[in-house]
Amino acid sequence: MTILDPAPVRSRLAQCPNHAPTPLHMQGPGGRPLWIKDERTRMGLGSFKALGGAYAVLRLIEARGRDDMTFVTASAGNHGLSVAAGARVFGAMARIHIARTVSEHFADRLRAEGATVVRSGDTYEASIAAAIADAEATGAIHLADGSWPGYTEPPRLVMEGYTVIAEELREAFETAGPDADAWPDVVYLQAGVGGLAAAMAARIRAAWSVQPRIIVIEPEAAPCLRESMRAGRIITVDGPVSKMGRLDCKTPSLLAFDILRETADAFETVSEAEAAAAVNLMAAEGLATTPSGAAGVAGWMRMGGERPLVILSEGPVAG
């Protein structure tokens, strides 16, 4: 299984004045207990992806010994923001390809981080193709959060950044005590290409002393991991555009597929209506988010658990 080590991530985060562990809430929506890891304020960027792209930018700059570099990526949301912020902080440049369906509000947030924004195609997959072509034509560094044969190290660094979330959770539950009842019995992990889910699952299996069931949640419109697991190989799925925009990915990451087939217990989908209901439930708890951010909550609402844990992955204006 791909090695994802939180130690080099945490050593660099220790030098970052904007970094602090995100909150872990115990909430009781509808009278049912629910652990919520709240990523909405991560490093001031509004989502867990602040941990991935910026960290990968730094590591790639370190590896080349220079910072006058341009990073190119496609983004359906927060990955591009993290790459742009990392490039700005570490003295590089960023060019972000986004589909025409991505909001102009998000494009403005990218520009505010110093990135050049390029509208490329009607879908996330089209913007990925444009980013690849851009890097090949210009010599820029392609920094995607998905992986495929022949392209794995930059996205591995992105995923390594996300392991910090699982480590913060491990420390919180260990502090609560050795009793297994202090730990979650089931963890719901939402997935687009699968980077967050795979990074979390890998670290949970490697480091948690009490092992939960791990359930991966995808939109009904984009069950690329579920169908790839059923097929035993990476496949691309068809489907309508989902309002879970950051999860609306039709082809999974190769690294995520390889990790999750060894670590996850189940792959489930949630409907647009279920995701909307989860957003409303979180709003009632004072935790504003999006359908993408609440997808794991939607999974829990249907499937439950005695001591469930979800990741509230982004704030209400993250993309």
Protein backbone atom coordinates (compact mmCIF):
# COMPACT_ATOMS: atom_id res chain seq x y z
CA MET A 1 0.00 0.00 0.00
CA THR A 2 1.19 3.54 -0.75
CA ILE A 3 3.05 5.06 2.21
CA LEU A 4 1.53 8.30 3.51
CA ASP A 5 3.50 9.75 6.42
CA PRO A 6 2.10 12.62 8.50
CA ALA A 7 5.48 13.39 10.12
CA PRO A 8 6.92 15.56 7.30
CA VAL A 9 3.60 17.35 7.00
CA ARG A 10 3.41 18.19 10.68
CA SER A 11 7.04 19.31 10.85
CA ARG A 12 6.30 21.90 8.17
CA LEU A 13 2.94 22.92 9.62
CA ALA A 14 4.73 23.68 12.89
CA GLN A 15 6.42 26.57 11.05
CA CYS A 16 3.12 27.95 9.74
CA PRO A 17 1.50 30.69 11.88
CA ASN A 18 -1.89 30.07 10.22
CA HIS A 19 -2.07 26.42 11.25
CA ALA A 20 -3.99 25.02 14.21
CA PRO A 21 -5.87 21.74 14.68
CA THR A 22 -9.50 22.00 13.60
CA PRO A 23 -12.33 21.41 16.08
CA LEU A 24 -13.88 18.04 16.90
CA HIS A 25 -17.50 18.48 17.96
CA MET A 26 -19.80 16.03 19.66
CA GLN A 27 -23.26 16.98 18.39
CA GLY A 28 -26.67 15.40 18.84
CA PRO A 29 -28.71 16.17 15.74
CA GLY A 30 -32.13 14.58 16.02
CA GLY A 31 -31.15 13.17 19.39
CA ARG A 32 -28.49 10.92 17.82
CA PRO A 33 -24.82 11.30 18.88
CA LEU A 34 -22.40 12.30 16.11
CA TRP A 35 -18.70 13.16 16.14
CA ILE A 36 -17.96 15.93 13.60
CA LYS A 37 -14.43 16.86 12.53
CA ASP A 38 -14.93 20.44 11.40
CA GLU A 39 -12.61 21.38 8.53
CA ARG A 40 -14.40 24.58 7.58
CA THR A 41 -11.71 26.88 9.00
CA ARG A 42 -8.57 24.94 8.06
CA MET A 43 -5.75 27.50 7.68
CA GLY A 44 -8.22 30.21 6.66
CA LEU A 45 -8.94 28.56 3.30
CA GLY A 46 -12.32 27.06 4.12
CA SER A 47 -11.71 23.34 3.66
CA PHE A 48 -9.53 20.32 4.39
CA LYS A 49 -7.79 20.79 1.04
CA ALA A 50 -5.68 23.56 2.56
CA LEU A 51 -3.52 20.69 3.86
CA GLY A 52 -2.86 19.11 0.46
CA GLY A 53 -2.03 21.40 -2.43
CA ALA A 54 0.02 23.93 -0.47
CA TYR A 55 2.06 21.16 1.19
CA ALA A 56 2.74 19.55 -2.19
CA VAL A 57 3.83 22.92 -3.62
CA LEU A 58 6.36 23.31 -0.79
CA ARG A 59 7.72 19.77 -1.15
CA LEU A 60 8.14 20.14 -4.92
CA ILE A 61 9.91 23.47 -4.48
CA GLU A 62 12.20 21.89 -1.88
CA ALA A 63 12.97 18.97 -4.23
CA ARG A 64 14.01 21.32 -7.04
CA GLY A 65 15.82 23.85 -4.87
CA ARG A 66 14.13 26.84 -6.49
CA ASP A 67 10.91 28.76 -6.14
CA ASP A 68 10.60 30.49 -9.54
CA MET A 69 8.22 27.81 -10.73
CA THR A 70 4.70 27.75 -12.15
CA PHE A 71 2.20 25.16 -10.93
CA VAL A 72 -0.73 24.15 -13.11
CA THR A 73 -3.78 22.23 -11.97
CA ALA A 74 -7.44 21.66 -12.66
CA SER A 75 -9.91 22.25 -9.87
CA ALA A 76 -13.58 21.71 -9.18
CA GLY A 77 -13.17 23.64 -5.95
CA ASN A 78 -10.77 23.78 -3.07
CA HIS A 79 -7.68 21.97 -4.41
CA GLY A 80 -6.97 24.86 -6.76
CA LEU A 81 -7.30 27.33 -3.91
CA SER A 82 -4.74 25.40 -1.86
CA VAL A 83 -2.29 25.23 -4.78
CA ALA A 84 -2.75 28.94 -5.45
CA ALA A 85 -2.21 29.86 -1.80
CA GLY A 86 0.86 27.65 -1.56
CA ALA A 87 2.36 29.14 -4.70
CA ARG A 88 1.79 32.66 -3.39
CA VAL A 89 3.28 31.95 0.04
CA PHE A 90 6.34 30.13 -1.30
CA GLY A 91 7.17 32.52 -4.14
CA ALA A 92 5.91 30.51 -7.10
CA MET A 93 3.10 31.10 -9.61
CA ALA A 94 -0.13 29.18 -10.20
CA ARG A 95 -2.42 28.70 -13.18
CA ILE A 96 -5.73 27.04 -12.38
CA HIS A 97 -8.02 25.50 -15.00
CA ILE A 98 -11.68 25.42 -14.05
CA ALA A 99 -14.73 24.25 -15.96
CA ARG A 100 -17.34 26.75 -17.13
CA THR A 101 -19.73 25.36 -14.50
CA VAL A 102 -17.52 26.53 -11.61
CA SER A 103 -18.81 29.74 -10.02
CA GLU A 104 -17.25 33.11 -10.75
CA HIS A 105 -17.15 33.65 -6.98
CA PHE A 106 -14.68 30.79 -6.72
CA ALA A 107 -12.69 32.11 -9.68
CA ASP A 108 -12.39 35.43 -7.85
CA ARG A 109 -11.11 33.64 -4.74
CA LEU A 110 -8.41 32.01 -6.86
CA ARG A 111 -7.41 35.37 -8.34
CA ALA A 112 -7.25 36.86 -4.84
CA GLU A 113 -4.56 34.26 -4.07
CA GLY A 114 -2.56 35.47 -7.07
CA ALA A 115 -3.48 32.67 -9.48
CA THR A 116 -4.22 32.98 -13.17
CA VAL A 117 -7.64 31.43 -13.87
CA VAL A 118 -8.39 29.69 -17.17
CA ARG A 119 -11.89 28.50 -18.09
CA SER A 120 -11.43 25.09 -19.74
CA GLY A 121 -14.35 23.00 -20.97
CA ASP A 122 -17.72 22.14 -19.49
CA THR A 123 -16.64 19.45 -17.01
CA TYR A 124 -13.98 18.76 -14.41
CA GLU A 125 -12.56 16.05 -16.67
CA ALA A 126 -12.18 18.58 -19.51
CA SER A 127 -10.32 20.97 -17.21
CA ILE A 128 -7.95 18.14 -16.21
CA ALA A 129 -7.14 17.49 -19.87
CA ALA A 130 -6.51 21.20 -20.38
CA ALA A 131 -4.18 21.37 -17.37
CA ILE A 132 -2.18 18.39 -18.64
CA ALA A 133 -1.86 19.98 -22.07
CA ASP A 134 -0.85 23.30 -20.49
CA ALA A 135 1.94 21.71 -18.44
CA GLU A 136 3.24 19.77 -21.45
CA ALA A 137 3.27 22.90 -23.64
CA THR A 138 4.79 25.31 -21.12
CA GLY A 139 7.00 23.19 -18.86
CA ALA A 140 4.96 24.14 -15.78
CA ILE A 141 4.63 21.64 -12.93
CA HIS A 142 1.35 19.73 -13.11
CA LEU A 143 0.00 19.33 -9.57
CA ALA A 144 -3.21 17.31 -9.71
CA ASP A 145 -5.02 15.75 -6.77
CA GLY A 146 -5.89 12.67 -8.84
CA SER A 147 -3.44 10.06 -10.07
CA TRP A 148 -3.14 7.65 -12.99
CA PRO A 149 -0.51 5.28 -14.40
CA GLY A 150 2.76 7.18 -14.78
CA TYR A 151 1.58 10.10 -12.64
CA THR A 152 1.56 9.44 -8.90
CA GLU A 153 4.12 11.44 -6.88
CA PRO A 154 2.54 14.94 -6.88
CA PRO A 155 -0.91 13.57 -5.92
CA ARG A 156 0.72 11.32 -3.31
CA LEU A 157 2.11 14.46 -1.67
CA VAL A 158 -1.34 16.07 -1.79
CA MET A 159 -2.85 13.02 -0.08
CA GLU A 160 -0.05 12.92 2.50
CA GLY A 161 -1.11 16.37 3.61
CA TYR A 162 -4.59 15.09 4.47
CA THR A 163 -3.22 12.50 6.93
CA VAL A 164 -2.92 15.28 9.50
CA ILE A 165 -6.72 15.09 9.96
CA ALA A 166 -6.58 11.44 10.99
CA GLU A 167 -3.64 12.16 13.31
CA GLU A 168 -5.48 15.00 15.04
CA LEU A 169 -8.43 12.67 15.54
CA ARG A 170 -6.23 9.86 16.87
CA GLU A 171 -4.72 12.21 19.44
CA ALA A 172 -8.14 13.49 20.49
CA PHE A 173 -9.55 10.00 21.01
CA GLU A 174 -6.43 8.77 22.80
CA THR A 175 -6.71 11.72 25.18
CA ALA A 176 -10.28 10.67 25.93
CA GLY A 177 -8.97 7.38 27.30
CA PRO A 178 -8.14 3.79 26.38
CA ASP A 179 -11.76 2.62 26.54
CA ALA A 180 -12.92 1.49 23.08
CA ASP A 181 -16.22 3.28 23.70
CA ALA A 182 -14.36 6.59 23.42
CA TRP A 183 -13.54 5.87 19.78
CA PRO A 184 -15.84 5.94 16.71
CA ASP A 185 -17.28 2.62 15.61
CA VAL A 186 -17.90 3.86 12.05
CA VAL A 187 -16.31 6.63 9.97
CA TYR A 188 -18.06 8.11 6.92
CA LEU A 189 -15.65 9.55 4.33
CA GLN A 190 -16.93 11.43 1.30
CA ALA A 191 -15.08 10.98 -1.98
CA GLY A 192 -14.65 12.65 -5.34
CA VAL A 193 -11.51 11.17 -6.90
CA GLY A 194 -10.90 9.68 -3.44
CA GLY A 195 -7.86 11.53 -2.08
CA LEU A 196 -9.30 12.49 1.30
CA ALA A 197 -11.01 9.14 1.84
CA ALA A 198 -7.88 7.17 0.96
CA ALA A 199 -5.53 9.31 3.06
CA MET A 200 -7.86 9.08 6.06
CA ALA A 201 -8.44 5.34 5.65
CA ALA A 202 -4.74 4.60 5.25
CA ARG A 203 -3.83 6.48 8.41
CA ILE A 204 -6.72 5.06 10.41
CA ARG A 205 -5.67 1.52 9.54
CA ALA A 206 -2.00 2.26 10.26
CA ALA A 207 -2.29 4.19 13.53
CA TRP A 208 -5.63 3.99 15.34
CA SER A 209 -5.66 1.60 18.30
CA VAL A 210 -9.42 1.03 17.95
CA GLN A 211 -10.49 0.20 14.42
CA PRO A 212 -13.82 1.46 13.02
CA ARG A 213 -15.77 0.46 9.96
CA ILE A 214 -14.91 2.81 7.09
CA ILE A 215 -17.69 3.69 4.67
CA VAL A 216 -16.91 5.75 1.56
CA ILE A 217 -19.72 8.05 0.39
CA GLU A 218 -20.13 9.25 -3.22
CA PRO A 219 -22.87 11.10 -5.11
CA GLU A 220 -25.37 8.92 -6.95
CA ALA A 221 -24.33 10.89 -10.06
CA ALA A 222 -20.64 9.96 -9.70
CA PRO A 223 -20.08 6.54 -8.07
CA CYS A 224 -16.66 6.10 -9.69
CA LEU A 225 -15.00 4.37 -6.72
CA ARG A 226 -17.92 2.03 -6.04
CA GLU A 227 -18.14 0.94 -9.66
CA SER A 228 -14.36 0.62 -9.99
CA MET A 229 -14.30 -1.62 -6.91
CA ARG A 230 -17.03 -3.77 -8.41
CA ALA A 231 -15.12 -4.01 -11.69
CA GLY A 232 -11.76 -4.65 -9.99
CA ARG A 233 -10.15 -1.89 -12.07
CA ILE A 234 -10.35 1.85 -12.67
CA ILE A 235 -13.38 2.77 -14.73
CA THR A 236 -15.07 6.03 -15.73
CA VAL A 237 -18.76 6.40 -14.97
CA ASP A 238 -21.43 8.48 -16.66
CA GLY A 239 -23.97 10.58 -14.87
CA PRO A 240 -25.64 13.98 -14.59
CA VAL A 241 -24.02 16.99 -12.95
CA SER A 242 -24.27 16.76 -9.16
CA LYS A 243 -24.80 19.63 -6.75
CA MET A 244 -22.11 17.91 -4.72
CA GLY A 245 -19.72 19.69 -7.05
CA ARG A 246 -16.43 18.90 -5.32
CA LEU A 247 -17.40 15.21 -5.33
CA ASP A 248 -18.72 15.13 -8.90
CA CYS A 249 -15.78 13.18 -10.34
CA LYS A 250 -16.34 10.42 -12.86
CA THR A 251 -12.91 8.72 -12.71
CA PRO A 252 -11.16 7.85 -9.43
CA SER A 253 -7.54 8.43 -8.53
CA LEU A 254 -5.36 5.38 -9.05
CA LEU A 255 -3.67 5.84 -5.66
CA ALA A 256 -7.01 6.22 -3.92
CA PHE A 257 -8.40 3.11 -5.63
CA ASP A 258 -5.38 1.04 -4.60
CA ILE A 259 -5.55 2.19 -0.97
CA LEU A 260 -9.31 2.02 -0.51
CA ARG A 261 -9.71 -1.49 -1.88
CA GLU A 262 -7.50 -2.60 1.04
CA THR A 263 -8.84 -0.32 3.76
CA ALA A 264 -12.52 0.55 3.21
CA ASP A 265 -15.38 -1.67 4.32
CA ALA A 266 -18.13 -0.36 2.05
CA PHE A 267 -18.88 2.09 -0.77
CA GLU A 268 -22.26 3.82 -0.74
CA THR A 269 -23.94 6.66 -2.62
CA VAL A 270 -26.22 9.47 -1.48
CA SER A 271 -28.83 11.32 -3.50
CA GLU A 272 -29.05 15.04 -4.15
CA ALA A 273 -32.04 15.20 -1.80
CA GLU A 274 -30.16 13.36 0.97
CA ALA A 275 -27.20 15.74 0.67
CA ALA A 276 -29.53 18.75 0.81
CA ALA A 277 -31.20 17.35 3.92
CA ALA A 278 -27.78 16.90 5.52
CA VAL A 279 -26.92 20.55 4.79
CA ASN A 280 -30.14 21.61 6.50
CA LEU A 281 -29.44 19.36 9.49
CA MET A 282 -25.97 20.85 9.93
CA ALA A 283 -27.36 24.38 9.58
CA ALA A 284 -29.74 23.62 12.44
CA GLU A 285 -26.65 22.67 14.48
CA GLY A 286 -24.98 25.98 13.62
CA LEU A 287 -22.55 24.34 11.18
CA ALA A 288 -23.08 25.86 7.74
CA THR A 289 -21.71 23.79 4.86
CA THR A 290 -22.43 22.62 1.30
CA PRO A 291 -23.82 19.37 -0.17
CA SER A 292 -20.20 18.27 -0.78
CA GLY A 293 -19.19 19.12 2.77
CA ALA A 294 -22.19 17.29 4.25
CA ALA A 295 -22.10 14.15 2.08
CA GLY A 296 -20.69 12.05 4.91
CA VAL A 297 -23.45 13.37 7.16
CA ALA A 298 -25.99 12.24 4.55
CA GLY A 299 -24.49 8.76 4.68
CA TRP A 300 -24.75 8.69 8.46
CA MET A 301 -28.37 9.89 8.38
CA ARG A 302 -29.32 6.79 6.41
CA MET A 303 -26.92 4.19 7.85
CA GLY A 304 -26.33 5.32 11.42
CA GLY A 305 -23.86 3.93 13.94
CA GLU A 306 -23.46 3.86 17.72
CA ARG A 307 -20.47 6.24 17.77
CA PRO A 308 -20.25 7.62 14.23
CA LEU A 309 -17.72 10.14 12.92
CA VAL A 310 -18.06 12.39 9.87
CA ILE A 311 -15.82 14.99 8.24
CA LEU A 312 -17.46 18.36 7.61
CA SER A 313 -15.09 19.02 4.75
CA GLU A 314 -15.83 22.60 3.72
CA GLY A 315 -17.60 25.81 4.64
CA PRO A 316 -20.62 27.32 2.93
CA VAL A 317 -18.67 29.48 0.47
CA ALA A 318 -15.77 27.12 -0.31
CA GLY A 319 -16.40 27.09 -4.03
